[in-house]
Amino acid sequence: MADSLSGLRDEVDAFVAERDWAQFHTPKNLVMAIAIEAAELMERFLWSTDAESVALDAARRAQIAQEMGDVLIYLIRLSRVLDIDLVAAAAAKLAQNRLKYPVEKARGRATKYLDLE
């Protein structure tokens, strides 16, 4: 069982290679798979109140964890196919977001950066 992103990436690579599935993993197909799995994750929260979405029982939490795992696996696979360092990409995006959402303007606000004053 992997305990790091690089370890998980290696496990996903092995899983795909053992099944000869790389031939199907085009960027288009992987992006579609991510969107589908993200929709399945959203479906787990459909019609829930905010309070219900926080107070999950064990069975529902397990279902959500499975869908999150699917999204992450496909995202890891896409990063591998496109040769993008996922950790570096996330770190760069976080740095951009720090600039777009300065603490003094964004703290406690769910406002798009264009509308921050």
C-alpha atoms as a PDB file:
ATOM      1  CA  MET A   1       0.000   0.000   0.000  1.00  0.00           C
ATOM      2  CA  ALA A   2       1.457   3.323  -1.074  1.00  0.00           C
ATOM      3  CA  ASP A   3       1.978   6.024   1.527  1.00  0.00           C
ATOM      4  CA  SER A   4       3.111   8.820  -0.780  1.00  0.00           C
ATOM      5  CA  LEU A   5       2.050  10.316  -4.071  1.00  0.00           C
ATOM      6  CA  SER A   6       5.087   8.880  -5.849  1.00  0.00           C
ATOM      7  CA  GLY A   7       4.399   5.455  -4.362  1.00  0.00           C
ATOM      8  CA  LEU A   8       0.779   5.637  -5.478  1.00  0.00           C
ATOM      9  CA  ARG A   9       1.883   6.721  -8.950  1.00  0.00           C
ATOM     10  CA  ASP A  10       4.114   3.634  -9.149  1.00  0.00           C
ATOM     11  CA  GLU A  11       1.238   1.392  -8.043  1.00  0.00           C
ATOM     12  CA  VAL A  12      -1.079   2.921 -10.638  1.00  0.00           C
ATOM     13  CA  ASP A  13       1.589   2.466 -13.328  1.00  0.00           C
ATOM     14  CA  ALA A  14       1.998  -1.202 -12.377  1.00  0.00           C
ATOM     15  CA  PHE A  15      -1.763  -1.756 -12.307  1.00  0.00           C
ATOM     16  CA  VAL A  16      -2.148  -0.261 -15.790  1.00  0.00           C
ATOM     17  CA  ALA A  17       0.862  -2.144 -17.203  1.00  0.00           C
ATOM     18  CA  GLU A  18      -0.343  -5.499 -15.843  1.00  0.00           C
ATOM     19  CA  ARG A  19      -3.611  -5.042 -17.720  1.00  0.00           C
ATOM     20  CA  ASP A  20      -2.125  -3.470 -20.876  1.00  0.00           C
ATOM     21  CA  TRP A  21      -4.438  -0.492 -20.486  1.00  0.00           C
ATOM     22  CA  ALA A  22      -1.987   2.285 -21.407  1.00  0.00           C
ATOM     23  CA  GLN A  23      -3.235   2.049 -24.984  1.00  0.00           C
ATOM     24  CA  PHE A  24      -6.607   3.373 -23.827  1.00  0.00           C
ATOM     25  CA  HIS A  25      -5.248   6.136 -21.623  1.00  0.00           C
ATOM     26  CA  THR A  26      -5.207   9.067 -23.989  1.00  0.00           C
ATOM     27  CA  PRO A  27      -5.472  12.507 -22.421  1.00  0.00           C
ATOM     28  CA  LYS A  28      -9.002  12.857 -23.833  1.00  0.00           C
ATOM     29  CA  ASN A  29     -10.161   9.587 -22.294  1.00  0.00           C
ATOM     30  CA  LEU A  30      -8.502  10.298 -18.962  1.00  0.00           C
ATOM     31  CA  VAL A  31     -10.008  13.781 -18.720  1.00  0.00           C
ATOM     32  CA  MET A  32     -13.417  12.316 -19.496  1.00  0.00           C
ATOM     33  CA  ALA A  33     -12.896   9.652 -16.831  1.00  0.00           C
ATOM     34  CA  ILE A  34     -11.941  12.336 -14.282  1.00  0.00           C
ATOM     35  CA  ALA A  35     -15.103  14.298 -15.101  1.00  0.00           C
ATOM     36  CA  ILE A  36     -17.277  11.193 -14.839  1.00  0.00           C
ATOM     37  CA  GLU A  37     -15.772  10.151 -11.516  1.00  0.00           C
ATOM     38  CA  ALA A  38     -16.046  13.722 -10.197  1.00  0.00           C
ATOM     39  CA  ALA A  39     -19.723  13.654 -11.163  1.00  0.00           C
ATOM     40  CA  GLU A  40     -20.140  10.387  -9.262  1.00  0.00           C
ATOM     41  CA  LEU A  41     -18.518  12.067  -6.250  1.00  0.00           C
ATOM     42  CA  MET A  42     -20.929  14.987  -6.600  1.00  0.00           C
ATOM     43  CA  GLU A  43     -23.821  12.541  -6.809  1.00  0.00           C
ATOM     44  CA  ARG A  44     -22.984  11.303  -3.293  1.00  0.00           C
ATOM     45  CA  PHE A  45     -23.842  14.784  -2.013  1.00  0.00           C
ATOM     46  CA  LEU A  46     -26.845  15.473  -4.243  1.00  0.00           C
ATOM     47  CA  TRP A  47     -29.872  16.643  -2.277  1.00  0.00           C
ATOM     48  CA  SER A  48     -27.897  16.775   0.984  1.00  0.00           C
ATOM     49  CA  THR A  49     -28.081  19.807   3.206  1.00  0.00           C
ATOM     50  CA  ASP A  50     -24.839  21.478   4.203  1.00  0.00           C
ATOM     51  CA  ALA A  51     -25.155  19.863   7.632  1.00  0.00           C
ATOM     52  CA  GLU A  52     -25.756  16.409   6.133  1.00  0.00           C
ATOM     53  CA  SER A  53     -22.737  16.784   3.850  1.00  0.00           C
ATOM     54  CA  VAL A  54     -20.541  17.214   6.928  1.00  0.00           C
ATOM     55  CA  ALA A  55     -22.132  14.596   9.196  1.00  0.00           C
ATOM     56  CA  LEU A  56     -21.437  11.423   7.217  1.00  0.00           C
ATOM     57  CA  ASP A  57     -22.101   7.942   8.511  1.00  0.00           C
ATOM     58  CA  ALA A  58     -19.448   5.274   7.971  1.00  0.00           C
ATOM     59  CA  ALA A  59     -21.089   3.734   4.910  1.00  0.00           C
ATOM     60  CA  ARG A  60     -21.520   7.044   3.120  1.00  0.00           C
ATOM     61  CA  ARG A  61     -17.990   8.118   4.035  1.00  0.00           C
ATOM     62  CA  ALA A  62     -16.680   4.859   2.512  1.00  0.00           C
ATOM     63  CA  GLN A  63     -18.613   5.485  -0.717  1.00  0.00           C
ATOM     64  CA  ILE A  64     -17.233   9.009  -0.923  1.00  0.00           C
ATOM     65  CA  ALA A  65     -13.714   7.749  -0.255  1.00  0.00           C
ATOM     66  CA  GLN A  66     -14.040   5.308  -3.160  1.00  0.00           C
ATOM     67  CA  GLU A  67     -15.128   8.055  -5.536  1.00  0.00           C
ATOM     68  CA  MET A  68     -12.304  10.313  -4.346  1.00  0.00           C
ATOM     69  CA  GLY A  69      -9.886   7.461  -4.972  1.00  0.00           C
ATOM     70  CA  ASP A  70     -11.163   7.083  -8.525  1.00  0.00           C
ATOM     71  CA  VAL A  71     -10.684  10.801  -9.217  1.00  0.00           C
ATOM     72  CA  LEU A  72      -7.164  10.758  -7.805  1.00  0.00           C
ATOM     73  CA  ILE A  73      -6.135   7.629  -9.706  1.00  0.00           C
ATOM     74  CA  TYR A  74      -7.261   9.079 -13.023  1.00  0.00           C
ATOM     75  CA  LEU A  75      -5.615  12.410 -12.238  1.00  0.00           C
ATOM     76  CA  ILE A  76      -2.352  10.652 -11.399  1.00  0.00           C
ATOM     77  CA  ARG A  77      -2.608   8.689 -14.624  1.00  0.00           C
ATOM     78  CA  LEU A  78      -3.247  11.860 -16.658  1.00  0.00           C
ATOM     79  CA  SER A  79      -0.242  13.553 -15.083  1.00  0.00           C
ATOM     80  CA  ARG A  80       1.883  10.540 -16.048  1.00  0.00           C
ATOM     81  CA  VAL A  81       0.627  10.454 -19.648  1.00  0.00           C
ATOM     82  CA  LEU A  82       1.208  14.196 -20.078  1.00  0.00           C
ATOM     83  CA  ASP A  83       4.504  14.132 -18.127  1.00  0.00           C
ATOM     84  CA  ILE A  84       3.316  16.780 -15.684  1.00  0.00           C
ATOM     85  CA  ASP A  85       4.630  16.788 -12.139  1.00  0.00           C
ATOM     86  CA  LEU A  86       1.360  16.847 -10.232  1.00  0.00           C
ATOM     87  CA  VAL A  87       2.902  18.057  -6.975  1.00  0.00           C
ATOM     88  CA  ALA A  88       4.776  20.859  -8.762  1.00  0.00           C
ATOM     89  CA  ALA A  89       1.614  21.819 -10.671  1.00  0.00           C
ATOM     90  CA  ALA A  90      -0.406  21.992  -7.452  1.00  0.00           C
ATOM     91  CA  ALA A  91       2.334  23.989  -5.703  1.00  0.00           C
ATOM     92  CA  ALA A  92       2.484  26.458  -8.609  1.00  0.00           C
ATOM     93  CA  LYS A  93      -1.291  26.842  -8.591  1.00  0.00           C
ATOM     94  CA  LEU A  94      -1.302  27.413  -4.833  1.00  0.00           C
ATOM     95  CA  ALA A  95       1.339  30.134  -5.294  1.00  0.00           C
ATOM     96  CA  GLN A  96      -0.858  31.801  -7.956  1.00  0.00           C
ATOM     97  CA  ASN A  97      -3.868  31.581  -5.652  1.00  0.00           C
ATOM     98  CA  ARG A  98      -1.916  33.227  -2.826  1.00  0.00           C
ATOM     99  CA  LEU A  99      -1.412  36.225  -5.106  1.00  0.00           C
ATOM    100  CA  LYS A 100      -5.016  36.274  -6.349  1.00  0.00           C
ATOM    101  CA  TYR A 101      -6.450  35.849  -2.858  1.00  0.00           C
ATOM    102  CA  PRO A 102      -4.336  37.868  -0.418  1.00  0.00           C
ATOM    103  CA  VAL A 103      -5.204  37.100   3.191  1.00  0.00           C
ATOM    104  CA  GLU A 104      -6.057  40.699   4.009  1.00  0.00           C
ATOM    105  CA  LYS A 105      -8.730  40.754   1.271  1.00  0.00           C
ATOM    106  CA  ALA A 106      -9.949  37.168   1.168  1.00  0.00           C
ATOM    107  CA  ARG A 107      -9.984  35.978   4.776  1.00  0.00           C
ATOM    108  CA  GLY A 108     -13.453  34.700   5.672  1.00  0.00           C
ATOM    109  CA  ARG A 109     -14.897  35.591   2.261  1.00  0.00           C
ATOM    110  CA  ALA A 110     -16.077  33.295  -0.532  1.00  0.00           C
ATOM    111  CA  THR A 111     -15.647  35.989  -3.167  1.00  0.00           C
ATOM    112  CA  LYS A 112     -14.044  35.485  -6.561  1.00  0.00           C
ATOM    113  CA  TYR A 113     -10.676  37.214  -6.778  1.00  0.00           C
ATOM    114  CA  LEU A 114     -11.947  39.634  -9.438  1.00  0.00           C
ATOM    115  CA  ASP A 115     -14.487  40.969  -6.953  1.00  0.00           C
ATOM    116  CA  LEU A 116     -12.212  41.334  -3.940  1.00  0.00           C
ATOM    117  CA  GLU A 117     -11.780  44.934  -2.878  1.00  0.00           C
END
